[in-house]
Amino acid sequence: MYFVHVNRNIIASNTKHGRSEPAVRIQKGRYGKPTYATEVRLPAGGIIRYSPLSPILPCGARLVIECEEKPEVIS
């Protein structure tokens, strides 16, 4: 399972400091090494999952896109 989510802390930092660091995070499994991107093509069959009461990922993400196949990093 691959997880895709947007890191809101990076977005806030980019806004505050005038940067353009990639904020979309992709990782394989809950504890996989993350890859960051600014644009991602999702495979068919992805599911958006929201868990308001407990984090889905160890980083604290509560809203993720779950994909069986690996998402394609465009940039």
Protein backbone atom coordinates (compact mmCIF):
# COMPACT_ATOMS: atom_id res chain seq x y z
CA MET A 1 0.00 0.00 0.00
CA TYR A 2 1.26 3.47 -0.90
CA PHE A 3 0.21 6.57 1.02
CA VAL A 4 0.09 10.08 -0.47
CA HIS A 5 -0.56 13.14 1.63
CA VAL A 6 0.12 16.87 1.67
CA ASN A 7 2.43 18.18 4.37
CA ARG A 8 0.74 21.34 5.63
CA ASN A 9 3.82 22.37 7.63
CA ILE A 10 5.85 22.63 4.41
CA ILE A 11 3.09 24.68 2.78
CA ALA A 12 3.07 27.07 5.76
CA SER A 13 6.87 27.33 5.71
CA ASN A 14 6.90 27.98 1.95
CA THR A 15 4.34 30.74 2.39
CA LYS A 16 6.17 32.33 5.30
CA HIS A 17 9.66 32.19 3.76
CA GLY A 18 8.85 32.55 0.04
CA ARG A 19 10.10 29.05 -0.80
CA SER A 20 8.80 26.32 -3.08
CA GLU A 21 9.80 23.10 -1.32
CA PRO A 22 7.79 20.03 -2.44
CA ALA A 23 4.86 19.38 -0.08
CA VAL A 24 3.33 16.17 -1.48
CA ARG A 25 4.66 13.16 0.39
CA ILE A 26 4.57 9.58 -0.96
CA GLN A 27 5.60 6.55 1.03
CA LYS A 28 5.27 2.79 0.74
CA GLY A 29 3.63 1.41 3.88
CA ARG A 30 3.12 3.27 7.13
CA TYR A 31 6.83 3.44 7.93
CA GLY A 32 8.39 3.66 4.46
CA LYS A 33 10.95 6.24 3.47
CA PRO A 34 9.11 9.29 2.08
CA THR A 35 9.59 10.81 -1.36
CA TYR A 36 8.52 14.43 -1.80
CA ALA A 37 7.05 15.92 -4.97
CA THR A 38 5.18 18.94 -6.25
CA GLU A 39 3.06 16.97 -8.73
CA VAL A 40 1.96 13.31 -8.66
CA ARG A 41 -0.10 11.15 -11.01
CA LEU A 42 -2.27 8.76 -9.03
CA PRO A 43 -3.06 5.27 -10.29
CA ALA A 44 -6.66 4.21 -10.86
CA GLY A 45 -8.43 2.90 -7.78
CA GLY A 46 -6.88 5.26 -5.21
CA ILE A 47 -8.96 5.88 -2.09
CA ILE A 48 -9.07 9.07 -0.02
CA ARG A 49 -9.25 8.19 3.66
CA TYR A 50 -9.89 10.57 6.57
CA SER A 51 -9.52 9.54 10.21
CA PRO A 52 -10.54 12.45 12.48
CA LEU A 53 -10.02 10.61 15.77
CA SER A 54 -6.56 9.11 15.27
CA PRO A 55 -3.64 9.59 12.86
CA ILE A 56 -3.31 7.20 9.92
CA LEU A 57 0.46 7.66 9.59
CA PRO A 58 3.10 8.03 12.32
CA CYS A 59 3.78 11.61 11.16
CA GLY A 60 0.27 12.51 12.33
CA ALA A 61 -1.48 12.61 8.95
CA ARG A 62 -5.24 12.10 9.29
CA LEU A 63 -6.12 12.49 5.61
CA VAL A 64 -4.32 10.36 3.01
CA ILE A 65 -4.77 8.88 -0.43
CA GLU A 66 -4.17 5.12 -0.42
CA CYS A 67 -3.00 3.39 -3.63
CA GLU A 68 -2.23 -0.25 -4.32
CA GLU A 69 0.09 0.72 -7.18
CA LYS A 70 2.97 3.18 -6.93
CA PRO A 71 2.02 6.80 -7.75
CA GLU A 72 4.09 8.46 -10.47
CA VAL A 73 6.15 11.49 -9.46
CA ILE A 74 5.86 14.08 -12.25
CA SER A 75 7.94 16.82 -10.61
